């Protein structure tokens, strides 16, 4: 009985570890400072590669920073932005 209970607890512990959300690797994003007049669109445009859809980058910035589509950026605010693809 103890062995079965131990195995159940072990499986539960492993499932919690593997199911836990993880932060993106630090190599996948850069930190960008917001300047006066900046918009998410402007920041995404500076990070977009030639073959990337800027709308995808805007979506990623909003997701990474928990911004809704009507969020106002403040000068000095720091945002996680997907790293520019070469």
N, C-alpha and C. Protein backbone atom coordinates (compact mmCIF):
# COMPACT_ATOMS: atom_id res chain seq x y z
N UNK A 1 0.82 -1.20 0.00
CA UNK A 1 0.00 0.00 0.00
C UNK A 1 0.87 1.27 0.00
N UNK A 2 1.96 1.23 0.80
CA UNK A 2 2.85 2.39 0.85
C UNK A 2 3.52 2.64 -0.50
N UNK A 3 3.85 1.57 -1.18
CA UNK A 3 4.49 1.71 -2.49
C UNK A 3 3.54 2.37 -3.48
N UNK A 4 2.30 1.95 -3.48
CA UNK A 4 1.30 2.53 -4.38
C UNK A 4 1.09 4.00 -4.06
N UNK A 5 0.95 4.32 -2.77
CA UNK A 5 0.77 5.71 -2.36
C UNK A 5 1.99 6.55 -2.75
N UNK A 6 3.19 6.00 -2.57
CA UNK A 6 4.41 6.70 -2.96
C UNK A 6 4.47 6.96 -4.45
N UNK A 7 4.08 5.97 -5.24
CA UNK A 7 4.07 6.15 -6.69
C UNK A 7 3.05 7.20 -7.13
N UNK A 8 1.90 7.19 -6.50
CA UNK A 8 0.87 8.20 -6.82
C UNK A 8 1.38 9.59 -6.50
N UNK A 9 2.01 9.75 -5.32
CA UNK A 9 2.55 11.06 -4.94
C UNK A 9 3.67 11.49 -5.90
N UNK A 10 4.51 10.55 -6.29
CA UNK A 10 5.58 10.86 -7.23
C UNK A 10 5.02 11.31 -8.58
N UNK A 11 4.04 10.60 -9.08
CA UNK A 11 3.42 10.98 -10.36
C UNK A 11 2.76 12.35 -10.26
N UNK A 12 2.10 12.63 -9.15
CA UNK A 12 1.47 13.93 -8.95
C UNK A 12 2.53 15.03 -8.95
N UNK A 13 3.62 14.81 -8.20
CA UNK A 13 4.69 15.82 -8.13
C UNK A 13 5.29 16.07 -9.51
N UNK A 14 5.52 15.02 -10.27
CA UNK A 14 6.08 15.20 -11.62
C UNK A 14 5.12 15.92 -12.54
N UNK A 15 3.84 15.64 -12.41
CA UNK A 15 2.87 16.32 -13.27
C UNK A 15 2.81 17.81 -12.96
N UNK A 16 2.96 18.18 -11.70
CA UNK A 16 2.96 19.60 -11.33
C UNK A 16 4.18 20.30 -11.91
N UNK A 17 5.33 19.66 -11.84
CA UNK A 17 6.56 20.25 -12.37
C UNK A 17 6.47 20.46 -13.88
N UNK A 18 5.99 19.47 -14.60
CA UNK A 18 5.92 19.57 -16.05
C UNK A 18 4.77 20.44 -16.54
N UNK A 19 3.73 20.60 -15.73
CA UNK A 19 2.58 21.40 -16.14
C UNK A 19 2.75 22.87 -15.79
N UNK A 20 3.73 23.21 -14.95
CA UNK A 20 3.91 24.59 -14.52
C UNK A 20 4.33 25.45 -15.70
N UNK A 21 3.70 26.63 -15.86
CA UNK A 21 4.09 27.51 -16.95
C UNK A 21 5.51 28.01 -16.72
N UNK A 22 6.23 28.17 -17.78
CA UNK A 22 7.61 28.65 -17.65
C UNK A 22 7.74 29.98 -18.38
N UNK A 23 8.66 30.76 -17.91
CA UNK A 23 8.97 32.02 -18.57
C UNK A 23 9.73 31.71 -19.85
N UNK A 24 9.57 32.53 -20.86
CA UNK A 24 10.37 32.31 -22.06
C UNK A 24 11.85 32.44 -21.72
N UNK A 25 12.68 31.71 -22.40
CA UNK A 25 14.12 31.80 -22.17
C UNK A 25 14.58 33.24 -22.41
N UNK A 26 15.53 33.69 -21.61
CA UNK A 26 15.98 35.08 -21.73
C UNK A 26 16.52 35.38 -23.13
N UNK A 27 16.93 34.35 -23.85
CA UNK A 27 17.44 34.56 -25.20
C UNK A 27 16.33 34.85 -26.21
N UNK A 28 15.07 34.61 -25.83
CA UNK A 28 13.98 34.76 -26.79
C UNK A 28 13.38 36.17 -26.79
N UNK A 29 13.80 37.01 -25.85
CA UNK A 29 13.26 38.37 -25.82
C UNK A 29 14.33 39.35 -25.36
N UNK A 30 14.07 40.62 -25.62
CA UNK A 30 14.92 41.70 -25.14
C UNK A 30 14.04 42.65 -24.34
N UNK A 31 14.65 43.43 -23.47
CA UNK A 31 13.93 44.44 -22.70
C UNK A 31 14.10 45.77 -23.43
N UNK A 32 12.98 46.44 -23.68
CA UNK A 32 12.98 47.70 -24.42
C UNK A 32 12.35 48.78 -23.55
N UNK A 33 12.99 49.95 -23.51
CA UNK A 33 12.43 51.08 -22.77
C UNK A 33 11.49 51.85 -23.69
N UNK A 34 10.34 52.22 -23.16
CA UNK A 34 9.35 52.99 -23.91
C UNK A 34 9.72 54.47 -23.81
N UNK A 35 9.72 55.15 -24.93
CA UNK A 35 9.98 56.59 -24.97
C UNK A 35 8.68 57.33 -25.28
N UNK A 36 8.67 58.61 -25.01
CA UNK A 36 7.48 59.43 -25.22
C UNK A 36 6.98 59.27 -26.66
N UNK A 37 5.70 59.00 -26.81
CA UNK A 37 5.09 58.86 -28.11
C UNK A 37 5.14 57.46 -28.70
N UNK A 38 5.89 56.54 -28.06
CA UNK A 38 5.97 55.17 -28.56
C UNK A 38 4.63 54.47 -28.46
N UNK A 39 4.35 53.62 -29.43
CA UNK A 39 3.19 52.74 -29.40
C UNK A 39 3.70 51.30 -29.54
N UNK A 40 2.85 50.35 -29.23
CA UNK A 40 3.23 48.95 -29.42
C UNK A 40 3.55 48.72 -30.89
N UNK A 41 2.81 49.35 -31.77
CA UNK A 41 3.04 49.22 -33.21
C UNK A 41 4.46 49.70 -33.57
N UNK A 42 4.87 50.87 -33.02
CA UNK A 42 6.22 51.41 -33.30
C UNK A 42 7.30 50.44 -32.84
N UNK A 43 7.15 49.95 -31.61
CA UNK A 43 8.15 49.05 -31.04
C UNK A 43 8.22 47.76 -31.84
N UNK A 44 7.06 47.22 -32.20
CA UNK A 44 7.02 45.99 -33.00
C UNK A 44 7.67 46.22 -34.36
N UNK A 45 7.44 47.38 -34.96
CA UNK A 45 8.03 47.70 -36.25
C UNK A 45 9.54 47.73 -36.22
N UNK A 46 10.11 48.19 -35.11
CA UNK A 46 11.57 48.22 -34.98
C UNK A 46 12.14 46.82 -34.80
N UNK A 47 11.35 45.90 -34.28
CA UNK A 47 11.83 44.54 -34.03
C UNK A 47 11.50 43.57 -35.16
N UNK A 48 10.60 43.93 -36.04
CA UNK A 48 10.15 42.99 -37.08
C UNK A 48 11.24 42.77 -38.12
N UNK A 49 11.42 41.52 -38.49
CA UNK A 49 12.31 41.19 -39.60
C UNK A 49 11.57 41.39 -40.91
N UNK A 50 12.28 41.26 -42.01
CA UNK A 50 11.69 41.50 -43.33
C UNK A 50 10.52 40.57 -43.64
N UNK A 51 10.58 39.34 -43.16
CA UNK A 51 9.55 38.36 -43.51
C UNK A 51 8.57 38.11 -42.38
N UNK A 52 8.59 38.94 -41.34
CA UNK A 52 7.69 38.75 -40.21
C UNK A 52 6.47 39.65 -40.34
N UNK A 53 5.35 39.14 -39.90
CA UNK A 53 4.11 39.92 -39.88
C UNK A 53 4.10 40.74 -38.60
N UNK A 54 4.07 42.05 -38.74
CA UNK A 54 4.13 42.94 -37.59
C UNK A 54 2.99 42.67 -36.61
N UNK A 55 1.85 42.21 -37.12
CA UNK A 55 0.72 41.91 -36.23
C UNK A 55 1.03 40.77 -35.28
N UNK A 56 1.84 39.81 -35.74
CA UNK A 56 2.25 38.71 -34.86
C UNK A 56 3.15 39.22 -33.74
N UNK A 57 4.03 40.15 -34.07
CA UNK A 57 4.93 40.71 -33.06
C UNK A 57 4.14 41.54 -32.07
N UNK A 58 3.18 42.32 -32.54
CA UNK A 58 2.32 43.09 -31.64
C UNK A 58 1.61 42.16 -30.68
N UNK A 59 1.06 41.06 -31.18
CA UNK A 59 0.37 40.09 -30.33
C UNK A 59 1.33 39.52 -29.28
N UNK A 60 2.56 39.18 -29.70
CA UNK A 60 3.54 38.63 -28.77
C UNK A 60 3.90 39.64 -27.68
N UNK A 61 4.09 40.90 -28.06
CA UNK A 61 4.42 41.93 -27.07
C UNK A 61 3.29 42.07 -26.06
N UNK A 62 2.05 42.10 -26.54
CA UNK A 62 0.91 42.21 -25.63
C UNK A 62 0.83 41.01 -24.70
N UNK A 63 1.05 39.81 -25.23
CA UNK A 63 1.01 38.59 -24.40
C UNK A 63 2.14 38.59 -23.37
N UNK A 64 3.35 38.91 -23.79
CA UNK A 64 4.50 38.87 -22.89
C UNK A 64 4.39 39.88 -21.76
N UNK A 65 3.70 40.98 -22.01
CA UNK A 65 3.62 42.07 -21.03
C UNK A 65 2.24 42.24 -20.43
N UNK A 66 1.34 41.32 -20.73
CA UNK A 66 -0.03 41.34 -20.19
C UNK A 66 -0.72 42.67 -20.48
N UNK A 67 -0.64 43.11 -21.73
CA UNK A 67 -1.27 44.37 -22.16
C UNK A 67 -2.52 44.05 -22.95
N UNK A 68 -3.60 44.79 -22.69
CA UNK A 68 -4.76 44.62 -23.57
C UNK A 68 -4.58 45.55 -24.76
N UNK A 69 -5.46 45.43 -25.74
CA UNK A 69 -5.25 46.20 -26.98
C UNK A 69 -5.44 47.69 -26.81
N UNK A 70 -6.00 48.14 -25.69
CA UNK A 70 -6.19 49.57 -25.45
C UNK A 70 -5.20 50.12 -24.43
N UNK A 71 -4.18 49.35 -24.09
CA UNK A 71 -3.23 49.78 -23.07
C UNK A 71 -2.42 50.99 -23.55
N UNK A 72 -2.20 51.92 -22.64
CA UNK A 72 -1.36 53.08 -22.92
C UNK A 72 0.03 52.80 -22.38
N UNK A 73 1.04 53.10 -23.17
CA UNK A 73 2.41 52.93 -22.73
C UNK A 73 2.87 54.23 -22.08
N UNK A 74 3.67 54.08 -21.03
CA UNK A 74 4.20 55.23 -20.30
C UNK A 74 5.69 55.37 -20.59
N UNK A 75 6.17 56.60 -20.83
CA UNK A 75 7.61 56.78 -21.02
C UNK A 75 8.36 56.22 -19.81
N UNK A 76 9.43 55.49 -20.09
CA UNK A 76 10.21 54.86 -19.04
C UNK A 76 9.79 53.44 -18.73
N UNK A 77 8.62 53.05 -19.20
CA UNK A 77 8.13 51.69 -18.99
C UNK A 77 9.06 50.71 -19.71
N UNK A 78 9.29 49.56 -19.10
CA UNK A 78 10.14 48.54 -19.69
C UNK A 78 9.25 47.41 -20.20
N UNK A 79 9.46 47.01 -21.46
CA UNK A 79 8.66 45.95 -22.07
C UNK A 79 9.55 44.80 -22.53
N UNK A 80 9.03 43.59 -22.38
CA UNK A 80 9.66 42.44 -23.02
C UNK A 80 9.20 42.43 -24.47
N UNK A 81 10.15 42.26 -25.36
CA UNK A 81 9.87 42.28 -26.79
C UNK A 81 10.58 41.08 -27.42
N UNK A 82 9.91 40.35 -28.31
CA UNK A 82 10.58 39.21 -28.95
C UNK A 82 11.86 39.67 -29.64
N UNK A 83 12.89 38.87 -29.50
CA UNK A 83 14.17 39.20 -30.12
C UNK A 83 14.02 39.24 -31.64
N UNK A 84 14.66 40.21 -32.26
CA UNK A 84 14.61 40.37 -33.71
C UNK A 84 15.23 39.16 -34.38
N UNK A 85 14.52 38.60 -35.35
CA UNK A 85 15.04 37.44 -36.09
C UNK A 85 15.92 37.93 -37.22
N UNK A 86 17.02 37.26 -37.40
CA UNK A 86 17.97 37.67 -38.44
C UNK A 86 17.62 37.10 -39.78
